[in-house]
C-alpha atoms as a PDB file:
ATOM      1  CA  LYS A   1       4.099  31.677   8.510  1.00  0.00           C
ATOM      2  CA  ARG A   2       0.764  34.680   8.274  1.00  0.00           C
ATOM      3  CA  SER A   3      -0.061  33.375  11.384  1.00  0.00           C
ATOM      4  CA  LEU A   4       3.446  33.769  13.353  1.00  0.00           C
ATOM      5  CA  ALA A   5       3.343  37.169  11.871  1.00  0.00           C
ATOM      6  CA  GLU A   6      -0.009  38.796  12.738  1.00  0.00           C
ATOM      7  CA  GLU A   7      -0.661  36.768  16.002  1.00  0.00           C
ATOM      8  CA  GLY A   8       2.743  35.960  17.327  1.00  0.00           C
ATOM      9  CA  GLN A   9       3.778  31.954  17.932  1.00  0.00           C
ATOM     10  CA  GLN A  10       0.460  30.367  20.002  1.00  0.00           C
ATOM     11  CA  ILE A  11       2.066  26.796  20.455  1.00  0.00           C
ATOM     12  CA  PRO A  12       5.876  26.080  21.206  1.00  0.00           C
ATOM     13  CA  ILE A  13       7.864  23.533  19.686  1.00  0.00           C
ATOM     14  CA  LEU A  14       9.002  20.244  21.419  1.00  0.00           C
ATOM     15  CA  VAL A  15      12.700  19.720  21.420  1.00  0.00           C
ATOM     16  CA  ARG A  16      14.974  16.882  23.308  1.00  0.00           C
ATOM     17  CA  PRO A  17      18.307  17.358  24.489  1.00  0.00           C
ATOM     18  CA  VAL A  18      21.508  15.590  22.568  1.00  0.00           C
ATOM     19  CA  ALA A  19      23.295  13.163  24.539  1.00  0.00           C
ATOM     20  CA  GLY A  20      26.491  15.077  24.963  1.00  0.00           C
ATOM     21  CA  SER A  21      26.090  17.997  23.352  1.00  0.00           C
ATOM     22  CA  GLU A  22      24.609  21.268  24.554  1.00  0.00           C
ATOM     23  CA  ARG A  23      22.348  21.234  21.102  1.00  0.00           C
ATOM     24  CA  TYR A  24      18.577  19.821  20.663  1.00  0.00           C
ATOM     25  CA  GLU A  25      16.590  18.064  18.528  1.00  0.00           C
ATOM     26  CA  ILE A  26      13.240  18.904  16.990  1.00  0.00           C
ATOM     27  CA  VAL A  27      10.548  16.760  17.983  1.00  0.00           C
ATOM     28  CA  ALA A  28       7.316  18.343  16.962  1.00  0.00           C
ATOM     29  CA  GLY A  29       7.965  21.675  15.250  1.00  0.00           C
ATOM     30  CA  ARG A  30      10.023  22.200  12.094  1.00  0.00           C
ATOM     31  CA  ARG A  31       7.236  23.876  10.256  1.00  0.00           C
ATOM     32  CA  ARG A  32       7.177  26.679  13.137  1.00  0.00           C
ATOM     33  CA  LEU A  33      10.446  26.801  13.213  1.00  0.00           C
ATOM     34  CA  GLN A  34      11.277  27.560   9.670  1.00  0.00           C
ATOM     35  CA  ALA A  35       8.509  29.955   9.261  1.00  0.00           C
ATOM     36  CA  THR A  36      10.200  31.783  12.468  1.00  0.00           C
ATOM     37  CA  LYS A  37      13.600  31.755  10.647  1.00  0.00           C
ATOM     38  CA  GLU A  38      11.813  33.322   7.439  1.00  0.00           C
ATOM     39  CA  LEU A  39      10.473  35.928   9.335  1.00  0.00           C
ATOM     40  CA  GLY A  40      13.740  36.527  10.121  1.00  0.00           C
ATOM     41  CA  ARG A  41      13.621  35.995  13.998  1.00  0.00           C
ATOM     42  CA  ASP A  42      16.155  34.528  16.015  1.00  0.00           C
ATOM     43  CA  MET A  43      14.067  33.286  19.022  1.00  0.00           C
ATOM     44  CA  ILE A  44      11.362  30.456  19.355  1.00  0.00           C
ATOM     45  CA  GLN A  45       9.660  29.177  22.108  1.00  0.00           C
ATOM     46  CA  ALA A  46       9.755  25.684  23.002  1.00  0.00           C
ATOM     47  CA  PHE A  47       9.259  22.797  25.479  1.00  0.00           C
ATOM     48  CA  VAL A  48      12.859  20.994  26.378  1.00  0.00           C
ATOM     49  CA  ARG A  49      11.954  17.274  27.278  1.00  0.00           C
ATOM     50  CA  PRO A  50      14.337  14.126  27.615  1.00  0.00           C
ATOM     51  CA  MET A  51      12.987  11.761  25.325  1.00  0.00           C
ATOM     52  CA  SER A  52      13.371   8.244  23.898  1.00  0.00           C
ATOM     53  CA  ASP A  53      13.424   7.633  20.319  1.00  0.00           C
ATOM     54  CA  GLU A  54      10.018   5.831  20.811  1.00  0.00           C
ATOM     55  CA  GLU A  55       8.860   8.487  23.038  1.00  0.00           C
ATOM     56  CA  ALA A  56       9.513  10.888  20.367  1.00  0.00           C
ATOM     57  CA  PHE A  57       8.009   8.964  17.933  1.00  0.00           C
ATOM     58  CA  VAL A  58       4.786   8.560  19.649  1.00  0.00           C
ATOM     59  CA  ALA A  59       5.192  12.650  19.634  1.00  0.00           C
ATOM     60  CA  GLN A  60       5.547  13.183  16.284  1.00  0.00           C
ATOM     61  CA  GLY A  61       2.624  10.525  15.647  1.00  0.00           C
ATOM     62  CA  VAL A  62       0.277  12.453  17.524  1.00  0.00           C
ATOM     63  CA  GLU A  63       1.247  15.772  16.068  1.00  0.00           C
ATOM     64  CA  ASN A  64       0.838  14.490  12.816  1.00  0.00           C
ATOM     65  CA  ASN A  65      -2.359  12.710  13.495  1.00  0.00           C
ATOM     66  CA  ALA A  66      -3.874  16.110  14.777  1.00  0.00           C
ATOM     67  CA  ARG A  67      -2.590  18.078  11.667  1.00  0.00           C
ATOM     68  CA  LEU A  68      -6.033  17.640   9.558  1.00  0.00           C
ATOM     69  CA  GLU A  69      -3.877  18.530   6.210  1.00  0.00           C
ATOM     70  CA  THR A  70      -1.581  15.844   6.614  1.00  0.00           C
ATOM     71  CA  SER A  71      -1.923  14.213   3.433  1.00  0.00           C
ATOM     72  CA  PHE A  72      -2.165  10.183   2.467  1.00  0.00           C
ATOM     73  CA  ILE A  73       1.315  10.364   0.947  1.00  0.00           C
ATOM     74  CA  GLU A  74       2.961  12.237   3.991  1.00  0.00           C
ATOM     75  CA  ARG A  75       1.417   9.582   6.346  1.00  0.00           C
ATOM     76  CA  ALA A  76       3.183   6.700   3.856  1.00  0.00           C
ATOM     77  CA  ARG A  77       6.661   8.786   4.445  1.00  0.00           C
ATOM     78  CA  THR A  78       6.266   8.962   8.079  1.00  0.00           C
ATOM     79  CA  ILE A  79       5.281   5.201   8.482  1.00  0.00           C
ATOM     80  CA  LEU A  80       7.929   4.373   6.050  1.00  0.00           C
ATOM     81  CA  SER A  81      10.748   6.580   8.226  1.00  0.00           C
ATOM     82  CA  ALA A  82       9.784   4.729  11.282  1.00  0.00           C
ATOM     83  CA  LEU A  83       9.749   1.526   9.973  1.00  0.00           C
ATOM     84  CA  GLU A  84      13.589   2.519   8.487  1.00  0.00           C
ATOM     85  CA  ALA A  85      13.858   3.500  12.137  1.00  0.00           C
ATOM     86  CA  GLY A  86      13.602   0.184  13.211  1.00  0.00           C
ATOM     87  CA  PHE A  87      10.089   0.195  14.725  1.00  0.00           C
ATOM     88  CA  THR A  88       8.464  -2.839  14.247  1.00  0.00           C
ATOM     89  CA  GLN A  89       4.721  -2.345  12.346  1.00  0.00           C
ATOM     90  CA  VAL A  90       2.802  -3.330  15.668  1.00  0.00           C
ATOM     91  CA  GLN A  91       4.580  -0.674  17.235  1.00  0.00           C
ATOM     92  CA  VAL A  92       3.237   1.757  14.002  1.00  0.00           C
ATOM     93  CA  GLU A  93       0.063   0.559  14.264  1.00  0.00           C
ATOM     94  CA  LYS A  94      -0.435   1.340  18.025  1.00  0.00           C
ATOM     95  CA  PHE A  95       1.502   5.049  17.764  1.00  0.00           C
ATOM     96  CA  LEU A  96      -0.451   6.117  14.703  1.00  0.00           C
ATOM     97  CA  GLY A  97      -3.434   4.294  14.983  1.00  0.00           C
ATOM     98  CA  VAL A  98      -3.039   2.442  11.031  1.00  0.00           C
ATOM     99  CA  ASP A  99      -3.742  -1.302  10.837  1.00  0.00           C
ATOM    100  CA  GLN A 100      -1.287  -3.458   9.559  1.00  0.00           C
ATOM    101  CA  THR A 101      -2.456  -4.177   6.328  1.00  0.00           C
ATOM    102  CA  MET A 102      -2.728  -0.388   5.180  1.00  0.00           C
ATOM    103  CA  ILE A 103       0.908  -0.139   6.589  1.00  0.00           C
ATOM    104  CA  SER A 104       2.007  -2.535   4.377  1.00  0.00           C
ATOM    105  CA  ARG A 105       0.337  -0.759   1.332  1.00  0.00           C
ATOM    106  CA  MET A 106       1.686   2.580   2.334  1.00  0.00           C
ATOM    107  CA  LYS A 107       4.998   1.348   2.213  1.00  0.00           C
ATOM    108  CA  THR A 108       4.636  -0.592  -1.049  1.00  0.00           C
ATOM    109  CA  ILE A 109       3.305   2.313  -2.726  1.00  0.00           C
ATOM    110  CA  PHE A 110       5.758   4.885  -1.172  1.00  0.00           C
ATOM    111  CA  THR A 111       8.910   2.711  -2.205  1.00  0.00           C
ATOM    112  CA  GLY A 112       7.264   1.577  -5.509  1.00  0.00           C
ATOM    113  CA  LEU A 113       7.003   5.777  -6.675  1.00  0.00           C
ATOM    114  CA  GLY A 114      10.370   6.565  -4.778  1.00  0.00           C
ATOM    115  CA  GLU A 115      11.690   9.646  -2.823  1.00  0.00           C
ATOM    116  CA  GLU A 116      11.961  11.561  -5.992  1.00  0.00           C
ATOM    117  CA  LEU A 117       9.400  11.427  -7.590  1.00  0.00           C
ATOM    118  CA  VAL A 118       6.822  11.609  -4.289  1.00  0.00           C
ATOM    119  CA  LEU A 119       8.942  15.122  -3.620  1.00  0.00           C
ATOM    120  CA  ALA A 120       8.475  16.324  -7.142  1.00  0.00           C
ATOM    121  CA  ILE A 121       4.571  15.921  -6.950  1.00  0.00           C
ATOM    122  CA  GLY A 122       4.507  17.265  -3.353  1.00  0.00           C
ATOM    123  CA  PRO A 123       1.968  16.326  -0.929  1.00  0.00           C
ATOM    124  CA  ALA A 124      -0.895  16.151  -3.199  1.00  0.00           C
ATOM    125  CA  ARG A 125      -3.543  16.861   0.020  1.00  0.00           C
ATOM    126  CA  GLY A 126      -7.315  15.206  -1.236  1.00  0.00           C
ATOM    127  CA  ILE A 127      -5.540  12.665  -3.178  1.00  0.00           C
ATOM    128  CA  GLY A 128      -6.302   9.312  -1.761  1.00  0.00           C
ATOM    129  CA  ARG A 129      -5.008   5.848  -1.601  1.00  0.00           C
ATOM    130  CA  ARG A 130      -6.594   4.297  -4.365  1.00  0.00           C
ATOM    131  CA  LYS A 131      -5.293   7.261  -7.001  1.00  0.00           C
ATOM    132  CA  TRP A 132      -1.530   7.091  -5.663  1.00  0.00           C
ATOM    133  CA  GLU A 133      -1.732   3.177  -5.956  1.00  0.00           C
ATOM    134  CA  ARG A 134      -3.021   3.626  -8.919  1.00  0.00           C
ATOM    135  CA  LEU A 135       0.408   5.882 -10.476  1.00  0.00           C
ATOM    136  CA  GLN A 136       2.106   3.895  -8.304  1.00  0.00           C
ATOM    137  CA  LYS A 137       1.505   0.767 -10.592  1.00  0.00           C
ATOM    138  CA  LEU A 138       1.695   2.959 -14.064  1.00  0.00           C
ATOM    139  CA  VAL A 139       5.237   4.010 -12.614  1.00  0.00           C
ATOM    140  CA  ALA A 140       6.228   0.086 -12.073  1.00  0.00           C
ATOM    141  CA  ALA A 141       5.228  -0.843 -15.378  1.00  0.00           C
ATOM    142  CA  SER A 142       6.801   2.119 -17.398  1.00  0.00           C
ATOM    143  CA  GLY A 143      10.027   0.688 -16.237  1.00  0.00           C
ATOM    144  CA  GLU A 144      11.612   4.000 -15.534  1.00  0.00           C
ATOM    145  CA  ASP A 145      13.323   4.766 -12.442  1.00  0.00           C
ATOM    146  CA  SER A 146      12.125   7.717  -9.700  1.00  0.00           C
ATOM    147  CA  ALA A 147      14.583  10.376 -10.557  1.00  0.00           C
ATOM    148  CA  THR A 148      13.965  10.178 -14.241  1.00  0.00           C
ATOM    149  CA  LEU A 149       9.872  10.353 -13.823  1.00  0.00           C
ATOM    150  CA  ALA A 150      10.532  12.951 -11.393  1.00  0.00           C
ATOM    151  CA  GLY A 151      12.344  15.524 -14.024  1.00  0.00           C
ATOM    152  CA  LYS A 152       8.678  14.468 -16.216  1.00  0.00           C
ATOM    153  CA  VAL A 153       6.390  16.076 -13.142  1.00  0.00           C
ATOM    154  CA  PRO A 154       4.222  18.826 -15.284  1.00  0.00           C
ATOM    155  CA  GLU A 155       5.160  22.265 -13.543  1.00  0.00           C
ATOM    156  CA  GLY A 156       2.758  24.019 -11.406  1.00  0.00           C
ATOM    157  CA  GLU A 157       2.077  25.583  -7.695  1.00  0.00           C
ATOM    158  CA  ASP A 158      -0.787  23.292  -6.674  1.00  0.00           C
ATOM    159  CA  SER A 159       0.333  19.934  -5.910  1.00  0.00           C
ATOM    160  CA  VAL A 160      -2.992  18.230  -6.431  1.00  0.00           C
ATOM    161  CA  GLU A 161      -3.125  19.661 -10.030  1.00  0.00           C
ATOM    162  CA  ARG A 162       0.429  18.201 -10.513  1.00  0.00           C
ATOM    163  CA  PHE A 163      -0.512  14.603  -9.302  1.00  0.00           C
ATOM    164  CA  ASP A 164      -3.468  14.651 -11.458  1.00  0.00           C
ATOM    165  CA  ALA A 165      -1.618  16.053 -14.454  1.00  0.00           C
ATOM    166  CA  PHE A 166       1.190  13.561 -14.292  1.00  0.00           C
ATOM    167  CA  LEU A 167      -1.626  10.587 -13.653  1.00  0.00           C
ATOM    168  CA  GLU A 168      -3.191  11.613 -16.604  1.00  0.00           C
ATOM    169  CA  ARG A 169       0.437  11.422 -18.532  1.00  0.00           C
ATOM    170  CA  MET A 170       0.842   8.068 -17.247  1.00  0.00           C
ATOM    171  CA  GLU A 171      -2.053   6.551 -18.119  1.00  0.00           C
ATOM    172  CA  ALA A 172      -1.562   8.179 -21.709  1.00  0.00           C
ATOM    173  CA  ILE A 173       1.548   6.121 -22.205  1.00  0.00           C
ATOM    174  CA  ALA A 174       0.632   2.993 -20.167  1.00  0.00           C
ATOM    175  CA  PRO A 175       0.811  -0.093 -22.571  1.00  0.00           C
ATOM    176  CA  PRO A 176      -2.392  -1.773 -23.427  1.00  0.00           C
ATOM    177  CA  ALA A 177      -3.695  -4.368 -20.971  1.00  0.00           C
ATOM    178  CA  PRO A 178      -3.167  -7.791 -22.408  1.00  0.00           C
ATOM    179  CA  PRO A 179      -6.702  -9.540 -23.970  1.00  0.00           C
ATOM    180  CA  LYS A 180      -8.257 -11.953 -21.217  1.00  0.00           C
ATOM    181  CA  ALA A 181      -7.706 -15.477 -22.448  1.00  0.00           C
ATOM    182  CA  PRO A 182     -11.167 -16.991 -23.257  1.00  0.00           C
ATOM    183  CA  VAL A 183     -12.897 -19.668 -21.229  1.00  0.00           C
ATOM    184  CA  VAL A 184     -13.337 -22.332 -23.078  1.00  0.00           C
ATOM    185  CA  GLU A 185     -15.754 -24.734 -21.337  1.00  0.00           C
ATOM    186  CA  LYS A 186     -14.928 -28.604 -22.302  1.00  0.00           C
ATOM    187  CA  THR A 187     -18.125 -30.721 -21.499  1.00  0.00           C
ATOM    188  CA  THR A 188     -17.733 -34.835 -22.295  1.00  0.00           C
ATOM    189  CA  PRO A 189     -20.182 -35.407 -25.161  1.00  0.00           C
ATOM    190  CA  GLN A 190     -21.237 -38.305 -23.141  1.00  0.00           C
ATOM    191  CA  GLY A 191     -20.740 -39.746 -19.600  1.00  0.00           C
ATOM    192  CA  ARG A 192     -20.087 -43.155 -18.233  1.00  0.00           C
ATOM    193  CA  GLU A 193     -23.236 -44.729 -16.558  1.00  0.00           C
ATOM    194  CA  PHE A 194     -23.015 -45.683 -13.658  1.00  0.00           C
ATOM    195  CA  GLY A 195     -26.286 -47.963 -11.990  1.00  0.00           C
ATOM    196  CA  GLY A 196     -28.775 -47.356 -15.340  1.00  0.00           C
ATOM    197  CA  GLY A 197     -28.176 -43.106 -15.180  1.00  0.00           C
ATOM    198  CA  GLN A 198     -25.506 -41.059 -16.703  1.00  0.00           C
ATOM    199  CA  VAL A 199     -22.356 -38.655 -15.231  1.00  0.00           C
ATOM    200  CA  ILE A 200     -21.736 -35.451 -17.112  1.00  0.00           C
ATOM    201  CA  ALA A 201     -18.422 -33.667 -16.367  1.00  0.00           C
ATOM    202  CA  LYS A 202     -17.656 -30.191 -16.889  1.00  0.00           C
ATOM    203  CA  VAL A 203     -14.386 -29.057 -16.573  1.00  0.00           C
ATOM    204  CA  THR A 204     -13.393 -24.613 -16.840  1.00  0.00           C
ATOM    205  CA  GLY A 205      -9.603 -24.301 -15.914  1.00  0.00           C
ATOM    206  CA  ARG A 206      -8.998 -25.771 -12.714  1.00  0.00           C
ATOM    207  CA  ARG A 207     -12.654 -26.573 -12.065  1.00  0.00           C
ATOM    208  CA  MET A 208     -14.726 -29.681 -12.677  1.00  0.00           C
ATOM    209  CA  VAL A 209     -18.045 -30.175 -12.154  1.00  0.00           C
ATOM    210  CA  LEU A 210     -20.086 -33.782 -12.197  1.00  0.00           C
ATOM    211  CA  GLU A 211     -23.612 -33.467 -13.111  1.00  0.00           C
ATOM    212  CA  THR A 212     -26.151 -36.742 -12.770  1.00  0.00           C
ATOM    213  CA  ASP A 213     -29.796 -37.489 -13.569  1.00  0.00           C
ATOM    214  CA  LYS A 214     -32.537 -38.330 -11.316  1.00  0.00           C
ATOM    215  CA  LYS A 215     -31.629 -42.363 -12.012  1.00  0.00           C
ATOM    216  CA  MET A 216     -28.209 -41.856 -10.264  1.00  0.00           C
ATOM    217  CA  PRO A 217     -28.045 -43.227  -6.126  1.00  0.00           C
ATOM    218  CA  THR A 218     -28.381 -40.879  -3.994  1.00  0.00           C
ATOM    219  CA  GLY A 219     -25.203 -41.902  -2.164  1.00  0.00           C
ATOM    220  CA  PHE A 220     -22.986 -41.759  -4.979  1.00  0.00           C
ATOM    221  CA  PHE A 221     -21.534 -38.441  -4.656  1.00  0.00           C
ATOM    222  CA  ASP A 222     -20.956 -39.379  -0.681  1.00  0.00           C
ATOM    223  CA  TYR A 223     -19.097 -42.718  -2.317  1.00  0.00           C
ATOM    224  CA  LEU A 224     -16.990 -40.947  -4.689  1.00  0.00           C
ATOM    225  CA  GLU A 225     -15.809 -38.449  -1.915  1.00  0.00           C
ATOM    226  CA  GLU A 226     -14.610 -41.205   0.223  1.00  0.00           C
ATOM    227  CA  GLN A 227     -12.510 -42.984  -2.681  1.00  0.00           C
ATOM    228  CA  LEU A 228     -10.687 -39.358  -3.376  1.00  0.00           C
ATOM    229  CA  PRO A 229      -8.153 -39.948  -1.251  1.00  0.00           C
ATOM    230  CA  GLY A 230      -6.899 -43.362  -2.583  1.00  0.00           C
ATOM    231  CA  ILE A 231      -7.602 -41.722  -6.375  1.00  0.00           C
ATOM    232  CA  LEU A 232      -4.973 -38.686  -5.310  1.00  0.00           C
ATOM    233  CA  GLU A 233      -2.573 -41.418  -4.384  1.00  0.00           C
ATOM    234  CA  ALA A 234      -2.627 -43.625  -7.252  1.00  0.00           C
ATOM    235  CA  PHE A 235      -2.468 -40.553  -9.338  1.00  0.00           C
ATOM    236  CA  ALA A 236       0.866 -39.115  -7.404  1.00  0.00           C
ATOM    237  CA  ARG A 237       2.281 -43.083  -7.905  1.00  0.00           C
ATOM    238  CA  GLU A 238       1.668 -42.955 -11.818  1.00  0.00           C
ATOM    239  CA  THR A 239       3.104 -39.118 -12.209  1.00  0.00           C
ATOM    240  CA  SER A 240       6.166 -40.523  -9.926  1.00  0.00           C
ATOM    241  CA  LYS A 241       6.938 -43.209 -12.626  1.00  0.00           C
ATOM    242  CA  ASP A 242       6.625 -40.764 -15.335  1.00  0.00           C
ATOM    243  CA  ASP A 243       9.326 -38.892 -13.989  1.00  0.00           C
END
């Protein structure tokens, strides 16, 4: 707004004609139009170009990527809007240069937080994925809806400060993580003897480790590996009888 007031409009906005109407739809330049209105001006320079939905989306992606101040959550919102508009993840990856793994993460984070909460916090430029993802998990754990949480976002002019304060609040009220169950290692006190040697089986959770002493023939494990399919089939037959 200050730049427009002092230097005038340097870059025209981009619009496309609305079919069957004399009106135009903004493709790129909403901020410039808003600033122009707030300055009390009723004219704005614009490029007028017929464009398909796909072409318009590409143009928006190019402009958003060119804006260095675009934040993580703003990009997530753009991606979600594109997916809701019917574009595929492959198209979004091509247009915006964001790989599909990140697209899925951004979609999960934004939908998990909800539109109301994101708008209450603001763009929070400089806050990266990890912090937004942490907040999303805390929100999910709280069980409160987006609109309710939006009303609890601390006031402040700076969205980064609002984000940090809200994250701190959610951390403070988060339930403590349940203690991890201790891993119990079970070791057979005495293994069965084979060929004059001894086998020790160590079972930890769903993992079994077999150890032998030097007297065990070297071909024992090869033989055991060959027998495993038969052992599994026999186990399956026995368990089916029990059922």
